[in-house]
Amino acid sequence: AAVEAAFASPLAAAHEIVAAANHIVDAHPFATSFTVSDMIAAVAMLAGAVRALVVTALVNVDLLADANPQADAPALRAALLGAQNAVGAAYLRAIAI
């Protein structure tokens, strides 16, 4: 339980970042031709933030799982990588605008 609790915050942050990226992409019909590139850049930065968060959290999953064999490390890894994949999908939608 302690390992899962340690990842609740980074995982919640990753999900919020993904939601923000999707919100930006969904708002593109309201953008002007001058702001579309800014929106795409913002989504790219959010995608980078999730990737950085995931890299750090994955290392911590391995370290904490070694210390607590009862931790569900595969589920934590899958959740983190799922968030990374979701923000990647938002980025692909953004560059297709």
C-alpha atoms as a PDB file:
ATOM      1  CA  ALA A   1       0.000   0.000   0.000  1.00  0.00           C
ATOM      2  CA  ALA A   2       2.856   2.402   0.739  1.00  0.00           C
ATOM      3  CA  VAL A   3       4.328   1.953  -2.726  1.00  0.00           C
ATOM      4  CA  GLU A   4       0.980   2.580  -4.398  1.00  0.00           C
ATOM      5  CA  ALA A   5       0.458   5.657  -2.217  1.00  0.00           C
ATOM      6  CA  ALA A   6       3.849   7.014  -3.262  1.00  0.00           C
ATOM      7  CA  PHE A   7       2.695   6.941  -6.876  1.00  0.00           C
ATOM      8  CA  ALA A   8      -0.766   8.363  -6.388  1.00  0.00           C
ATOM      9  CA  SER A   9       0.495  11.936  -6.739  1.00  0.00           C
ATOM     10  CA  PRO A  10       2.703  11.482  -9.834  1.00  0.00           C
ATOM     11  CA  LEU A  11       0.021   9.401 -11.506  1.00  0.00           C
ATOM     12  CA  ALA A  12      -2.653  11.981 -10.715  1.00  0.00           C
ATOM     13  CA  ALA A  13      -0.373  14.706 -12.086  1.00  0.00           C
ATOM     14  CA  ALA A  14       0.186  12.718 -15.272  1.00  0.00           C
ATOM     15  CA  HIS A  15      -3.562  12.307 -15.750  1.00  0.00           C
ATOM     16  CA  GLU A  16      -4.140  16.028 -15.198  1.00  0.00           C
ATOM     17  CA  ILE A  17      -1.433  16.875 -17.734  1.00  0.00           C
ATOM     18  CA  VAL A  18      -3.028  14.510 -20.260  1.00  0.00           C
ATOM     19  CA  ALA A  19      -6.402  16.178 -19.648  1.00  0.00           C
ATOM     20  CA  ALA A  20      -4.844  19.608 -20.210  1.00  0.00           C
ATOM     21  CA  ALA A  21      -3.211  18.464 -23.449  1.00  0.00           C
ATOM     22  CA  ASN A  22      -6.512  17.052 -24.701  1.00  0.00           C
ATOM     23  CA  HIS A  23      -8.320  20.254 -23.717  1.00  0.00           C
ATOM     24  CA  ILE A  24      -5.851  22.317 -25.736  1.00  0.00           C
ATOM     25  CA  VAL A  25      -6.247  20.078 -28.773  1.00  0.00           C
ATOM     26  CA  ASP A  26     -10.035  20.125 -28.466  1.00  0.00           C
ATOM     27  CA  ALA A  27      -9.976  23.945 -28.383  1.00  0.00           C
ATOM     28  CA  HIS A  28      -8.194  24.247 -31.722  1.00  0.00           C
ATOM     29  CA  PRO A  29     -11.358  25.138 -33.683  1.00  0.00           C
ATOM     30  CA  PHE A  30     -11.480  28.357 -31.668  1.00  0.00           C
ATOM     31  CA  ALA A  31      -7.839  29.258 -32.368  1.00  0.00           C
ATOM     32  CA  THR A  32      -6.663  31.729 -34.921  1.00  0.00           C
ATOM     33  CA  SER A  33      -4.016  30.875 -37.459  1.00  0.00           C
ATOM     34  CA  PHE A  34      -1.584  32.845 -35.283  1.00  0.00           C
ATOM     35  CA  THR A  35      -2.189  30.754 -32.156  1.00  0.00           C
ATOM     36  CA  VAL A  36      -2.368  27.221 -33.549  1.00  0.00           C
ATOM     37  CA  SER A  37       1.414  26.852 -33.437  1.00  0.00           C
ATOM     38  CA  ASP A  38       1.394  28.061 -29.827  1.00  0.00           C
ATOM     39  CA  MET A  39      -1.195  25.422 -28.964  1.00  0.00           C
ATOM     40  CA  ILE A  40       0.854  22.689 -30.607  1.00  0.00           C
ATOM     41  CA  ALA A  41       3.958  23.886 -28.737  1.00  0.00           C
ATOM     42  CA  ALA A  42       2.041  23.817 -25.450  1.00  0.00           C
ATOM     43  CA  VAL A  43       0.924  20.223 -26.081  1.00  0.00           C
ATOM     44  CA  ALA A  44       4.524  19.289 -26.957  1.00  0.00           C
ATOM     45  CA  MET A  45       5.733  20.764 -23.657  1.00  0.00           C
ATOM     46  CA  LEU A  46       3.023  18.908 -21.734  1.00  0.00           C
ATOM     47  CA  ALA A  47       4.023  15.681 -23.475  1.00  0.00           C
ATOM     48  CA  GLY A  48       7.613  16.286 -22.399  1.00  0.00           C
ATOM     49  CA  ALA A  49       6.483  16.899 -18.832  1.00  0.00           C
ATOM     50  CA  VAL A  50       4.657  13.567 -18.732  1.00  0.00           C
ATOM     51  CA  ARG A  51       7.650  11.747 -20.214  1.00  0.00           C
ATOM     52  CA  ALA A  52       9.943  13.269 -17.561  1.00  0.00           C
ATOM     53  CA  LEU A  53       7.503  12.384 -14.792  1.00  0.00           C
ATOM     54  CA  VAL A  54       7.170   8.819 -16.087  1.00  0.00           C
ATOM     55  CA  VAL A  55      10.935   8.259 -16.330  1.00  0.00           C
ATOM     56  CA  THR A  56      11.433   9.342 -12.737  1.00  0.00           C
ATOM     57  CA  ALA A  57       8.448   7.394 -11.468  1.00  0.00           C
ATOM     58  CA  LEU A  58       9.456   4.200 -13.304  1.00  0.00           C
ATOM     59  CA  VAL A  59      12.864   4.241 -11.631  1.00  0.00           C
ATOM     60  CA  ASN A  60      11.160   4.740  -8.287  1.00  0.00           C
ATOM     61  CA  VAL A  61       8.728   1.884  -8.987  1.00  0.00           C
ATOM     62  CA  ASP A  62      11.646  -0.490  -9.429  1.00  0.00           C
ATOM     63  CA  LEU A  63      13.439   0.767  -6.320  1.00  0.00           C
ATOM     64  CA  LEU A  64      10.364   0.650  -4.120  1.00  0.00           C
ATOM     65  CA  ALA A  65       9.210  -2.703  -5.511  1.00  0.00           C
ATOM     66  CA  ASP A  66      12.578  -4.176  -4.522  1.00  0.00           C
ATOM     67  CA  ALA A  67      12.004  -2.880  -1.004  1.00  0.00           C
ATOM     68  CA  ASN A  68       8.386  -4.066  -0.919  1.00  0.00           C
ATOM     69  CA  PRO A  69       7.866  -7.305  -2.903  1.00  0.00           C
ATOM     70  CA  GLN A  70       4.114  -7.129  -2.280  1.00  0.00           C
ATOM     71  CA  ALA A  71       3.826  -3.967  -4.371  1.00  0.00           C
ATOM     72  CA  ASP A  72       2.023  -4.348  -7.676  1.00  0.00           C
ATOM     73  CA  ALA A  73       4.901  -2.927  -9.736  1.00  0.00           C
ATOM     74  CA  PRO A  74       3.544  -4.178 -13.095  1.00  0.00           C
ATOM     75  CA  ALA A  75       0.243  -2.356 -12.519  1.00  0.00           C
ATOM     76  CA  LEU A  76       2.054   0.842 -11.520  1.00  0.00           C
ATOM     77  CA  ARG A  77       4.284   0.616 -14.600  1.00  0.00           C
ATOM     78  CA  ALA A  78       1.261   0.029 -16.825  1.00  0.00           C
ATOM     79  CA  ALA A  79      -0.572   3.032 -15.383  1.00  0.00           C
ATOM     80  CA  LEU A  80       2.422   5.304 -15.880  1.00  0.00           C
ATOM     81  CA  LEU A  81       3.042   4.098 -19.420  1.00  0.00           C
ATOM     82  CA  GLY A  82      -0.655   4.473 -20.170  1.00  0.00           C
ATOM     83  CA  ALA A  83      -0.480   8.143 -19.247  1.00  0.00           C
ATOM     84  CA  GLN A  84       2.594   8.553 -21.428  1.00  0.00           C
ATOM     85  CA  ASN A  85       0.784   6.910 -24.343  1.00  0.00           C
ATOM     86  CA  ALA A  86      -2.278   9.104 -23.823  1.00  0.00           C
ATOM     87  CA  VAL A  87      -0.309  12.341 -23.933  1.00  0.00           C
ATOM     88  CA  GLY A  88       1.546  11.034 -26.966  1.00  0.00           C
ATOM     89  CA  ALA A  89      -1.805  10.518 -28.683  1.00  0.00           C
ATOM     90  CA  ALA A  90      -2.803  14.094 -27.816  1.00  0.00           C
ATOM     91  CA  TYR A  91       0.456  15.335 -29.328  1.00  0.00           C
ATOM     92  CA  LEU A  92      -0.195  13.367 -32.531  1.00  0.00           C
ATOM     93  CA  ARG A  93      -3.670  14.929 -32.705  1.00  0.00           C
ATOM     94  CA  ALA A  94      -2.123  18.352 -32.180  1.00  0.00           C
ATOM     95  CA  ILE A  95       0.422  18.089 -34.964  1.00  0.00           C
ATOM     96  CA  ALA A  96      -2.332  16.902 -37.318  1.00  0.00           C
ATOM     97  CA  ILE A  97      -4.229  20.206 -36.842  1.00  0.00           C
END
